[in-house]
Amino acid sequence: MSEATYHSLSSRGSYRVRPNQASSLAETTASRKAMELKARDVRALIRSLQRWGDIRQRYDVIVTDSNLQDKNQGMMLDVVDEIVAICAEAVQEKRARVAAGKTFTNRSVLFSWRGVHNINAEIVFYRHRDLQIVYKILSKLDDPYKWTIPFENITPAWNWLA
């Protein structure tokens, strides 16, 4: 067999790929890796979402924080939308059960997704929503570092000494 064939057998019996085909195989592998998330990646993404909020507002910060810069942006947005939708559904389900008078032994709403277990739906959902609001408020300010919480209208919690 000659070297010009698509694949040629080496002396060890394995296949060799021509040099111009090696780059296309590397591109295929890189594009395939950009479209997949492992359980470790999902955990890191959820942790970053809880820290920074909405991925559409802080995409670069979230992706850098979770070390997922090489992943496809459209896929990342779809994954986050799916996670937030699942969390919203779980929170709504818990609200419906509480309204029906059911009691819970475990106060948190946990779910599993893509091999990642014990994701707290309430924390992900509420932090996502709350940090969206904070980002909208702070992005309108000239110097967000000088903003403080207005404390005139805040009432202290009962029996809380601080």
N, C-alpha and C. Protein backbone atom coordinates (compact mmCIF):
# COMPACT_ATOMS: atom_id res chain seq x y z
N MET A 1 0.84 -1.17 0.00
CA MET A 1 0.00 0.00 0.00
C MET A 1 0.88 1.23 0.00
N SER A 2 0.46 2.25 -0.69
CA SER A 2 1.26 3.46 -0.78
C SER A 2 0.83 4.46 0.27
N GLU A 3 1.65 5.50 0.47
CA GLU A 3 1.35 6.55 1.46
C GLU A 3 0.21 7.44 0.99
N ALA A 4 -0.13 7.43 -0.28
CA ALA A 4 -1.15 8.33 -0.82
C ALA A 4 -2.56 7.85 -0.53
N THR A 5 -2.72 6.64 -0.07
CA THR A 5 -4.06 6.15 0.22
C THR A 5 -4.62 6.87 1.44
N TYR A 6 -5.94 6.81 1.62
CA TYR A 6 -6.61 7.51 2.71
C TYR A 6 -6.02 7.12 4.05
N HIS A 7 -6.00 5.86 4.32
CA HIS A 7 -5.33 5.34 5.52
C HIS A 7 -4.35 4.29 5.04
N SER A 8 -3.19 4.27 5.61
CA SER A 8 -2.25 3.24 5.22
C SER A 8 -1.79 2.50 6.46
N LEU A 9 -1.52 1.26 6.29
CA LEU A 9 -1.05 0.44 7.40
C LEU A 9 0.41 0.71 7.64
N SER A 10 0.78 0.93 8.88
CA SER A 10 2.20 1.08 9.21
C SER A 10 2.78 -0.31 9.42
N SER A 11 4.04 -0.36 9.72
CA SER A 11 4.68 -1.65 9.92
C SER A 11 4.14 -2.36 11.16
N ARG A 12 3.54 -1.59 12.10
CA ARG A 12 2.99 -2.20 13.31
C ARG A 12 1.54 -2.65 13.13
N GLY A 13 0.96 -2.37 11.99
CA GLY A 13 -0.41 -2.80 11.75
C GLY A 13 -1.45 -1.75 12.13
N SER A 14 -1.03 -0.57 12.57
CA SER A 14 -1.99 0.48 12.89
C SER A 14 -2.13 1.42 11.70
N TYR A 15 -3.14 2.23 11.72
CA TYR A 15 -3.39 3.14 10.62
C TYR A 15 -2.70 4.47 10.84
N ARG A 16 -2.19 5.03 9.75
CA ARG A 16 -1.63 6.37 9.78
C ARG A 16 -2.54 7.27 8.99
N VAL A 17 -2.61 8.53 9.41
CA VAL A 17 -3.44 9.50 8.70
C VAL A 17 -2.50 10.47 8.00
N ARG A 18 -2.85 10.83 6.77
CA ARG A 18 -2.02 11.79 6.04
C ARG A 18 -2.00 13.13 6.78
N PRO A 19 -0.94 13.92 6.67
CA PRO A 19 -0.81 15.17 7.40
C PRO A 19 -1.96 16.15 7.19
N ASN A 20 -2.47 16.30 5.98
CA ASN A 20 -3.56 17.24 5.76
C ASN A 20 -4.86 16.74 6.39
N GLN A 21 -4.98 15.47 6.62
CA GLN A 21 -6.16 14.93 7.28
C GLN A 21 -6.06 15.04 8.79
N ALA A 22 -4.86 15.08 9.32
CA ALA A 22 -4.66 15.17 10.76
C ALA A 22 -5.24 16.47 11.30
N SER A 23 -5.07 17.56 10.56
CA SER A 23 -5.60 18.84 11.04
C SER A 23 -7.12 18.83 11.04
N SER A 24 -7.74 18.20 10.05
CA SER A 24 -9.20 18.15 10.04
C SER A 24 -9.73 17.26 11.16
N LEU A 25 -9.00 16.20 11.50
CA LEU A 25 -9.41 15.36 12.62
C LEU A 25 -9.26 16.11 13.94
N ALA A 26 -8.23 16.93 14.08
CA ALA A 26 -8.03 17.72 15.29
C ALA A 26 -9.14 18.76 15.42
N GLU A 27 -9.53 19.36 14.29
CA GLU A 27 -10.61 20.34 14.32
C GLU A 27 -11.92 19.68 14.72
N THR A 28 -12.17 18.49 14.20
CA THR A 28 -13.38 17.75 14.55
C THR A 28 -13.39 17.43 16.03
N THR A 29 -12.26 16.99 16.55
CA THR A 29 -12.18 16.66 17.97
C THR A 29 -12.38 17.92 18.82
N ALA A 30 -11.78 19.04 18.43
CA ALA A 30 -11.92 20.28 19.19
C ALA A 30 -13.36 20.77 19.14
N SER A 31 -14.00 20.68 17.99
CA SER A 31 -15.39 21.14 17.91
C SER A 31 -16.32 20.21 18.69
N ARG A 32 -15.98 18.94 18.72
CA ARG A 32 -16.77 17.99 19.49
C ARG A 32 -16.62 18.26 20.99
N LYS A 33 -15.39 18.56 21.42
CA LYS A 33 -15.15 18.88 22.83
C LYS A 33 -15.84 20.18 23.23
N ALA A 34 -15.96 21.11 22.30
CA ALA A 34 -16.61 22.38 22.58
C ALA A 34 -18.11 22.21 22.79
N MET A 35 -18.65 21.10 22.35
CA MET A 35 -20.10 20.88 22.45
C MET A 35 -20.48 19.91 23.57
N GLU A 36 -19.55 19.50 24.40
CA GLU A 36 -19.89 18.56 25.47
C GLU A 36 -19.44 19.11 26.82
N LEU A 37 -20.24 18.81 27.83
CA LEU A 37 -19.92 19.20 29.20
C LEU A 37 -19.85 17.95 30.06
N LYS A 38 -18.80 17.82 30.81
CA LYS A 38 -18.68 16.72 31.75
C LYS A 38 -19.32 17.14 33.07
N ALA A 39 -19.46 16.20 33.98
CA ALA A 39 -20.08 16.50 35.28
C ALA A 39 -19.29 17.57 36.02
N ARG A 40 -17.97 17.53 35.92
CA ARG A 40 -17.13 18.54 36.56
C ARG A 40 -17.41 19.94 35.99
N ASP A 41 -17.61 19.99 34.66
CA ASP A 41 -17.91 21.26 34.00
C ASP A 41 -19.27 21.80 34.44
N VAL A 42 -20.25 20.91 34.57
CA VAL A 42 -21.59 21.33 34.99
C VAL A 42 -21.55 21.87 36.41
N ARG A 43 -20.81 21.18 37.30
CA ARG A 43 -20.68 21.67 38.68
C ARG A 43 -20.03 23.04 38.72
N ALA A 44 -18.98 23.23 37.96
CA ALA A 44 -18.29 24.52 37.92
C ALA A 44 -19.19 25.61 37.35
N LEU A 45 -19.97 25.27 36.34
CA LEU A 45 -20.90 26.24 35.74
C LEU A 45 -21.97 26.65 36.74
N ILE A 46 -22.53 25.70 37.46
CA ILE A 46 -23.57 26.01 38.45
C ILE A 46 -22.98 26.86 39.57
N ARG A 47 -21.78 26.55 40.00
CA ARG A 47 -21.12 27.35 41.04
C ARG A 47 -20.92 28.79 40.56
N SER A 48 -20.52 28.97 39.31
CA SER A 48 -20.33 30.31 38.76
C SER A 48 -21.66 31.04 38.60
N LEU A 49 -22.71 30.33 38.23
CA LEU A 49 -24.03 30.95 38.13
C LEU A 49 -24.48 31.46 39.49
N GLN A 50 -24.21 30.69 40.52
CA GLN A 50 -24.60 31.12 41.87
C GLN A 50 -23.76 32.31 42.33
N ARG A 51 -22.58 32.42 41.82
CA ARG A 51 -21.70 33.52 42.22
C ARG A 51 -21.96 34.80 41.43
N TRP A 52 -22.26 34.68 40.12
CA TRP A 52 -22.33 35.84 39.25
C TRP A 52 -23.70 36.13 38.66
N GLY A 53 -24.64 35.20 38.66
CA GLY A 53 -25.99 35.49 38.16
C GLY A 53 -26.24 35.02 36.75
N ASP A 54 -26.88 35.88 35.96
CA ASP A 54 -27.34 35.54 34.62
C ASP A 54 -26.17 35.49 33.64
N ILE A 55 -26.08 34.41 32.88
CA ILE A 55 -24.97 34.24 31.94
C ILE A 55 -25.07 35.21 30.77
N ARG A 56 -26.26 35.69 30.46
CA ARG A 56 -26.41 36.65 29.37
C ARG A 56 -25.89 38.03 29.76
N GLN A 57 -25.87 38.32 31.02
CA GLN A 57 -25.35 39.61 31.48
C GLN A 57 -23.86 39.55 31.76
N ARG A 58 -23.35 38.41 32.20
CA ARG A 58 -21.96 38.30 32.63
C ARG A 58 -21.29 37.07 32.00
N TYR A 59 -21.47 36.87 30.71
CA TYR A 59 -20.98 35.66 30.04
C TYR A 59 -19.48 35.46 30.25
N ASP A 60 -18.68 36.48 29.96
CA ASP A 60 -17.23 36.33 30.05
C ASP A 60 -16.77 36.01 31.46
N VAL A 61 -17.36 36.66 32.45
CA VAL A 61 -16.97 36.42 33.83
C VAL A 61 -17.32 35.00 34.26
N ILE A 62 -18.52 34.55 33.93
CA ILE A 62 -18.97 33.21 34.33
C ILE A 62 -18.15 32.12 33.65
N VAL A 63 -17.91 32.28 32.36
CA VAL A 63 -17.16 31.26 31.61
C VAL A 63 -15.71 31.22 32.09
N THR A 64 -15.13 32.37 32.37
CA THR A 64 -13.76 32.40 32.87
C THR A 64 -13.67 31.81 34.27
N ASP A 65 -14.65 32.15 35.12
CA ASP A 65 -14.66 31.64 36.49
C ASP A 65 -14.80 30.11 36.52
N SER A 66 -15.60 29.58 35.61
CA SER A 66 -15.79 28.13 35.58
C SER A 66 -14.81 27.41 34.66
N ASN A 67 -13.88 28.16 34.06
CA ASN A 67 -12.84 27.62 33.19
C ASN A 67 -13.43 26.86 32.00
N LEU A 68 -14.42 27.47 31.34
CA LEU A 68 -15.07 26.85 30.19
C LEU A 68 -14.98 27.74 28.95
N GLN A 69 -13.86 28.44 28.78
CA GLN A 69 -13.71 29.37 27.67
C GLN A 69 -13.74 28.68 26.31
N ASP A 70 -13.33 27.42 26.25
CA ASP A 70 -13.26 26.72 24.97
C ASP A 70 -14.59 26.09 24.55
N LYS A 71 -15.64 26.28 25.33
CA LYS A 71 -16.93 25.67 25.01
C LYS A 71 -17.74 26.59 24.10
N ASN A 72 -18.63 26.01 23.34
CA ASN A 72 -19.48 26.73 22.41
C ASN A 72 -20.45 27.64 23.16
N GLN A 73 -20.52 28.92 22.78
CA GLN A 73 -21.35 29.88 23.50
C GLN A 73 -22.84 29.55 23.40
N GLY A 74 -23.31 29.17 22.24
CA GLY A 74 -24.72 28.81 22.08
C GLY A 74 -25.11 27.62 22.94
N MET A 75 -24.23 26.64 23.00
CA MET A 75 -24.48 25.47 23.83
C MET A 75 -24.51 25.85 25.30
N MET A 76 -23.60 26.74 25.71
CA MET A 76 -23.56 27.18 27.11
C MET A 76 -24.85 27.90 27.48
N LEU A 77 -25.34 28.76 26.61
CA LEU A 77 -26.59 29.48 26.88
C LEU A 77 -27.76 28.51 26.99
N ASP A 78 -27.80 27.52 26.10
CA ASP A 78 -28.86 26.50 26.16
C ASP A 78 -28.81 25.70 27.45
N VAL A 79 -27.61 25.33 27.87
CA VAL A 79 -27.45 24.55 29.10
C VAL A 79 -27.92 25.35 30.30
N VAL A 80 -27.52 26.62 30.37
CA VAL A 80 -27.94 27.46 31.49
C VAL A 80 -29.46 27.67 31.48
N ASP A 81 -30.03 27.88 30.31
CA ASP A 81 -31.49 28.03 30.22
C ASP A 81 -32.20 26.78 30.72
N GLU A 82 -31.65 25.62 30.36
CA GLU A 82 -32.25 24.36 30.80
C GLU A 82 -32.13 24.18 32.32
N ILE A 83 -30.97 24.52 32.87
CA ILE A 83 -30.78 24.41 34.32
C ILE A 83 -31.73 25.32 35.06
N VAL A 84 -31.83 26.57 34.63
CA VAL A 84 -32.71 27.54 35.30
C VAL A 84 -34.18 27.13 35.15
N ALA A 85 -34.55 26.59 33.99
CA ALA A 85 -35.93 26.13 33.80
C ALA A 85 -36.26 24.96 34.72
N ILE A 86 -35.34 24.03 34.87
CA ILE A 86 -35.54 22.90 35.77
C ILE A 86 -35.66 23.39 37.21
N CYS A 87 -34.81 24.34 37.58
CA CYS A 87 -34.87 24.89 38.94
C CYS A 87 -36.19 25.62 39.18
N ALA A 88 -36.64 26.40 38.21
CA ALA A 88 -37.91 27.12 38.35
C ALA A 88 -39.08 26.14 38.49
N GLU A 89 -39.03 25.07 37.71
CA GLU A 89 -40.08 24.04 37.79
C GLU A 89 -40.08 23.36 39.16
N ALA A 90 -38.91 23.06 39.68
CA ALA A 90 -38.80 22.41 40.99
C ALA A 90 -39.29 23.33 42.11
N VAL A 91 -38.96 24.62 42.01
CA VAL A 91 -39.42 25.59 43.02
C VAL A 91 -40.94 25.74 42.95
N GLN A 92 -41.48 25.80 41.75
CA GLN A 92 -42.95 25.89 41.60
C GLN A 92 -43.63 24.65 42.17
N GLU A 93 -43.04 23.50 41.93
CA GLU A 93 -43.58 22.25 42.45
C GLU A 93 -43.58 22.25 43.99
N LYS A 94 -42.51 22.76 44.58
CA LYS A 94 -42.45 22.83 46.05
C LYS A 94 -43.50 23.81 46.57
N ARG A 95 -43.65 24.96 45.91
CA ARG A 95 -44.68 25.93 46.33
C ARG A 95 -46.07 25.32 46.28
N ALA A 96 -46.35 24.54 45.25
CA ALA A 96 -47.65 23.90 45.11
C ALA A 96 -47.88 22.89 46.23
N ARG A 97 -46.84 22.14 46.58
CA ARG A 97 -46.98 21.17 47.67
C ARG A 97 -47.18 21.86 49.02
N VAL A 98 -46.47 22.95 49.25
CA VAL A 98 -46.64 23.70 50.50
C VAL A 98 -48.05 24.29 50.57
N ALA A 99 -48.54 24.80 49.46
CA ALA A 99 -49.89 25.35 49.41
C ALA A 99 -50.93 24.27 49.66
N ALA A 100 -50.63 23.04 49.28
CA ALA A 100 -51.55 21.92 49.50
C ALA A 100 -51.47 21.40 50.93
N GLY A 101 -50.53 21.93 51.72
CA GLY A 101 -50.43 21.55 53.13
C GLY A 101 -49.49 20.41 53.42
N LYS A 102 -48.68 20.03 52.47
CA LYS A 102 -47.73 18.94 52.69
C LYS A 102 -46.51 19.46 53.44
N THR A 103 -45.95 18.62 54.28
CA THR A 103 -44.74 18.99 55.01
C THR A 103 -43.56 18.21 54.43
N PHE A 104 -42.37 18.74 54.67
CA PHE A 104 -41.16 18.14 54.12
C PHE A 104 -40.20 17.78 55.24
N THR A 105 -39.51 16.68 55.07
CA THR A 105 -38.45 16.34 56.02
C THR A 105 -37.17 17.09 55.66
N ASN A 106 -36.96 17.31 54.37
CA ASN A 106 -35.80 18.05 53.89
C ASN A 106 -36.30 19.37 53.31
N ARG A 107 -35.78 20.48 53.80
CA ARG A 107 -36.28 21.78 53.38
C ARG A 107 -35.79 22.17 52.00
N SER A 108 -34.66 21.66 51.57
CA SER A 108 -34.12 22.05 50.27
C SER A 108 -34.72 21.20 49.15
N VAL A 109 -34.71 21.78 47.95
CA VAL A 109 -35.21 21.09 46.76
C VAL A 109 -33.99 20.67 45.96
N LEU A 110 -33.69 19.38 45.99
CA LEU A 110 -32.51 18.87 45.30
C LEU A 110 -32.90 18.10 44.05
N PHE A 111 -32.08 18.22 43.02
CA PHE A 111 -32.32 17.44 41.81
C PHE A 111 -30.99 17.03 41.21
N SER A 112 -31.04 16.09 40.28
CA SER A 112 -29.85 15.61 39.58
C SER A 112 -29.99 15.95 38.11
N TRP A 113 -28.87 16.30 37.48
CA TRP A 113 -28.90 16.65 36.07
C TRP A 113 -27.55 16.34 35.44
N ARG A 114 -27.54 15.56 34.38
CA ARG A 114 -26.34 15.19 33.63
C ARG A 114 -25.22 14.64 34.52
N GLY A 115 -25.59 13.77 35.43
CA GLY A 115 -24.60 13.14 36.27
C GLY A 115 -24.18 13.94 37.49
N VAL A 116 -24.73 15.12 37.66
CA VAL A 116 -24.42 15.94 38.83
C VAL A 116 -25.60 15.80 39.78
N HIS A 117 -25.32 15.33 40.99
CA HIS A 117 -26.37 15.07 41.96
C HIS A 117 -26.42 16.18 43.00
N ASN A 118 -27.57 16.27 43.66
CA ASN A 118 -27.78 17.19 44.79
C ASN A 118 -27.56 18.65 44.42
N ILE A 119 -28.14 19.08 43.32
CA ILE A 119 -28.14 20.49 42.96
C ILE A 119 -29.31 21.13 43.68
N ASN A 120 -29.08 22.19 44.42
CA ASN A 120 -30.14 22.86 45.16
C ASN A 120 -30.87 23.82 44.23
N ALA A 121 -32.08 23.47 43.85
CA ALA A 121 -32.85 24.24 42.86
C ALA A 121 -33.20 25.62 43.38
N GLU A 122 -33.52 25.73 44.66
CA GLU A 122 -33.91 27.03 45.21
C GLU A 122 -32.75 28.01 45.17
N ILE A 123 -31.58 27.57 45.56
CA ILE A 123 -30.43 28.48 45.56
C ILE A 123 -30.11 28.94 44.14
N VAL A 124 -30.06 28.01 43.21
CA VAL A 124 -29.73 28.37 41.83
C VAL A 124 -30.78 29.33 41.28
N PHE A 125 -32.05 29.03 41.48
CA PHE A 125 -33.12 29.85 40.92
C PHE A 125 -33.15 31.24 41.54
N TYR A 126 -33.13 31.32 42.86
CA TYR A 126 -33.23 32.62 43.52
C TYR A 126 -31.97 33.47 43.33
N ARG A 127 -30.79 32.86 43.37
CA ARG A 127 -29.57 33.62 43.15
C ARG A 127 -29.54 34.16 41.72
N HIS A 128 -29.98 33.35 40.77
CA HIS A 128 -30.02 33.79 39.38
C HIS A 128 -30.92 35.01 39.24
N ARG A 129 -32.10 34.95 39.83
CA ARG A 129 -33.06 36.07 39.75
C ARG A 129 -32.55 37.29 40.51
N ASP A 130 -32.06 37.08 41.73
CA ASP A 130 -31.63 38.20 42.56
C ASP A 130 -30.41 38.92 41.97
N LEU A 131 -29.46 38.15 41.46
CA LEU A 131 -28.27 38.77 40.89
C LEU A 131 -28.56 39.47 39.56
N GLN A 132 -29.60 39.05 38.84
CA GLN A 132 -30.05 39.79 37.66
C GLN A 132 -30.50 41.18 38.07
N ILE A 133 -31.29 41.25 39.14
CA ILE A 133 -31.79 42.54 39.62
C ILE A 133 -30.64 43.43 40.09
N VAL A 134 -29.72 42.87 40.86
CA VAL A 134 -28.58 43.65 41.34
C VAL A 134 -27.75 44.17 40.17
N TYR A 135 -27.53 43.33 39.17
CA TYR A 135 -26.74 43.75 38.01
C TYR A 135 -27.43 44.90 37.28
N LYS A 136 -28.75 44.81 37.10
CA LYS A 136 -29.48 45.87 36.41
C LYS A 136 -29.38 47.19 37.16
N ILE A 137 -29.47 47.14 38.47
CA ILE A 137 -29.38 48.36 39.28
C ILE A 137 -27.97 48.94 39.22
N LEU A 138 -26.98 48.09 39.43
CA LEU A 138 -25.60 48.58 39.50
C LEU A 138 -25.05 48.99 38.14
N SER A 139 -25.54 48.42 37.06
CA SER A 139 -25.02 48.79 35.75
C SER A 139 -25.46 50.19 35.33
N LYS A 140 -26.50 50.72 35.95
CA LYS A 140 -26.97 52.07 35.64
C LYS A 140 -26.17 53.15 36.37
N LEU A 141 -25.41 52.78 37.38
CA LEU A 141 -24.68 53.74 38.19
C LEU A 141 -23.34 54.10 37.54
N ASP A 142 -22.90 55.33 37.81
CA ASP A 142 -21.59 55.76 37.31
C ASP A 142 -20.47 55.02 38.02
N ASP A 143 -20.57 54.92 39.35
CA ASP A 143 -19.55 54.22 40.14
C ASP A 143 -20.24 53.22 41.06
N PRO A 144 -20.37 51.98 40.62
CA PRO A 144 -21.10 51.00 41.44
C PRO A 144 -20.43 50.68 42.78
N TYR A 145 -19.14 51.00 42.92
CA TYR A 145 -18.43 50.72 44.17
C TYR A 145 -18.83 51.68 45.29
N LYS A 146 -19.44 52.79 44.94
CA LYS A 146 -19.88 53.75 45.96
C LYS A 146 -21.33 53.53 46.40
N TRP A 147 -22.02 52.61 45.75
CA TRP A 147 -23.42 52.35 46.09
C TRP A 147 -23.51 51.62 47.42
N THR A 148 -24.46 52.02 48.25
CA THR A 148 -24.70 51.34 49.52
C THR A 148 -26.18 51.01 49.63
N ILE A 149 -26.49 50.05 50.45
CA ILE A 149 -27.88 49.69 50.69
C ILE A 149 -28.51 50.80 51.53
N PRO A 150 -29.65 51.34 51.10
CA PRO A 150 -30.31 52.37 51.92
C PRO A 150 -30.78 51.73 53.22
N PHE A 151 -30.29 52.22 54.34
CA PHE A 151 -30.56 51.56 55.61
C PHE A 151 -31.66 52.23 56.43
N GLU A 152 -32.28 53.31 55.96
CA GLU A 152 -33.32 53.98 56.72
C GLU A 152 -34.57 53.10 56.86
N ASN A 153 -34.86 52.31 55.85
CA ASN A 153 -36.11 51.55 55.84
C ASN A 153 -35.93 50.09 56.23
N ILE A 154 -34.74 49.70 56.61
CA ILE A 154 -34.49 48.30 56.95
C ILE A 154 -34.82 48.09 58.42
N THR A 155 -35.66 47.10 58.68
CA THR A 155 -36.00 46.77 60.07
C THR A 155 -35.16 45.56 60.49
N PRO A 156 -34.70 45.55 61.71
CA PRO A 156 -33.87 44.43 62.15
C PRO A 156 -34.71 43.17 62.35
N ALA A 157 -34.05 42.04 62.17
CA ALA A 157 -34.72 40.77 62.43
C ALA A 157 -34.87 40.61 63.94
N TRP A 158 -35.94 39.98 64.37
CA TRP A 158 -36.19 39.79 65.80
C TRP A 158 -35.15 38.86 66.40
N ASN A 159 -34.72 39.21 67.59
CA ASN A 159 -33.77 38.41 68.37
C ASN A 159 -32.45 38.17 67.62
N TRP A 160 -32.07 39.16 66.84
CA TRP A 160 -30.84 39.03 66.10
C TRP A 160 -29.91 40.15 66.53
N LEU A 161 -28.85 39.80 67.19
CA LEU A 161 -27.90 40.79 67.70
C LEU A 161 -26.71 40.84 66.76
N ALA A 162 -26.51 41.98 66.16
CA ALA A 162 -25.36 42.11 65.26
C ALA A 162 -24.76 43.49 65.41
